[in-house]
Amino acid sequence: MAKPKGGDHLLSWFYQLSDTRSYSDGVPQPITFTEIEAWSRLSRTRLKPHHIEALTMLDAAYRSEMGEAITYSNERRRREQGRK
């Protein structure tokens, strides 16, 4: 899939935010508005509303993909344990 033009800064910001996210039982938790605001302030990155919307959409897509991967992994582990 082709990467949209002009989105490099958004991906960079998302990766920075994602690196600090919390996990619960191996499941990535949403990046909160509080975390976005704190990161923006500390990094002195001025965000506009459409940037925040894009970051939260990226986060939702990331968590959806991770959720599917975790579900697949858990199902596979159960099948393998059932064979033993």
Protein backbone atom coordinates (compact mmCIF):
# COMPACT_ATOMS: atom_id res chain seq x y z
CA MET A 1 0.00 0.00 0.00
CA ALA A 2 1.34 3.41 -0.93
CA LYS A 3 2.04 5.92 1.81
CA PRO A 4 0.11 9.18 1.37
CA LYS A 5 2.22 12.18 0.41
CA GLY A 6 2.83 14.76 3.10
CA GLY A 7 2.06 12.45 6.00
CA ASP A 8 5.62 11.74 7.14
CA HIS A 9 5.38 14.16 10.06
CA LEU A 10 2.14 12.56 11.25
CA LEU A 11 3.67 9.09 11.17
CA SER A 12 6.72 10.35 13.04
CA TRP A 13 4.50 11.94 15.69
CA PHE A 14 2.42 8.77 15.94
CA TYR A 15 5.51 6.59 16.41
CA GLN A 16 6.77 8.90 19.15
CA LEU A 17 3.43 8.75 20.94
CA SER A 18 3.04 5.01 20.39
CA ASP A 19 6.44 4.31 21.93
CA THR A 20 5.12 5.63 25.25
CA ARG A 21 1.74 3.86 25.24
CA SER A 22 0.69 1.52 28.01
CA TYR A 23 -0.31 -2.12 27.61
CA SER A 24 -2.69 -4.28 29.59
CA ASP A 25 -2.28 -8.05 29.30
CA GLY A 26 -0.23 -7.49 26.15
CA VAL A 27 -2.96 -5.40 24.53
CA PRO A 28 -2.05 -1.85 23.46
CA GLN A 29 -4.16 0.78 25.20
CA PRO A 30 -5.43 3.88 23.37
CA ILE A 31 -3.28 6.97 23.27
CA THR A 32 -5.31 9.46 25.29
CA PHE A 33 -5.94 13.12 24.59
CA THR A 34 -4.06 13.88 27.81
CA GLU A 35 -1.02 12.01 26.48
CA ILE A 36 -1.25 13.80 23.13
CA GLU A 37 -1.51 17.17 24.86
CA ALA A 38 1.44 16.43 27.15
CA TRP A 39 3.58 15.19 24.24
CA SER A 40 2.65 18.25 22.19
CA ARG A 41 3.58 20.59 25.04
CA LEU A 42 6.82 18.82 25.95
CA SER A 43 7.99 18.45 22.34
CA ARG A 44 6.83 21.96 21.50
CA THR A 45 4.87 20.58 18.58
CA ARG A 46 1.89 22.72 17.70
CA LEU A 47 -1.02 20.51 16.76
CA LYS A 48 -4.15 21.54 14.92
CA PRO A 49 -7.48 19.72 15.34
CA HIS A 50 -7.02 17.77 12.10
CA HIS A 51 -3.61 16.53 13.35
CA ILE A 52 -5.22 15.18 16.52
CA GLU A 53 -7.95 13.53 14.48
CA ALA A 54 -5.36 11.89 12.23
CA LEU A 55 -3.32 10.68 15.23
CA THR A 56 -6.36 9.14 16.89
CA MET A 57 -7.37 7.47 13.62
CA LEU A 58 -3.85 6.04 13.22
CA ASP A 59 -4.03 4.80 16.80
CA ALA A 60 -7.39 3.13 16.23
CA ALA A 61 -6.09 1.40 13.09
CA TYR A 62 -2.94 0.26 14.90
CA ARG A 63 -4.91 -1.14 17.84
CA SER A 64 -7.32 -2.90 15.49
CA GLU A 65 -4.47 -4.62 13.64
CA MET A 66 -2.74 -5.52 16.89
CA GLY A 67 -6.01 -6.90 18.27
CA GLU A 68 -6.42 -9.16 15.25
CA ALA A 69 -2.81 -10.35 15.56
CA ILE A 70 -3.24 -11.06 19.28
CA THR A 71 -6.50 -12.94 18.66
CA TYR A 72 -4.86 -15.03 15.93
CA SER A 73 -1.88 -15.78 18.17
CA ASN A 74 -4.09 -16.79 21.10
CA GLU A 75 -6.22 -19.07 18.90
CA ARG A 76 -3.13 -20.68 17.43
CA ARG A 77 -1.68 -21.27 20.92
CA ARG A 78 -4.96 -22.89 22.06
CA ARG A 79 -4.98 -25.20 19.03
CA GLU A 80 -1.37 -26.22 19.66
CA GLN A 81 -2.05 -26.88 23.36
CA GLY A 82 -5.05 -29.01 22.40
CA ARG A 83 -2.80 -31.30 20.32
CA LYS A 84 -0.54 -32.11 23.25
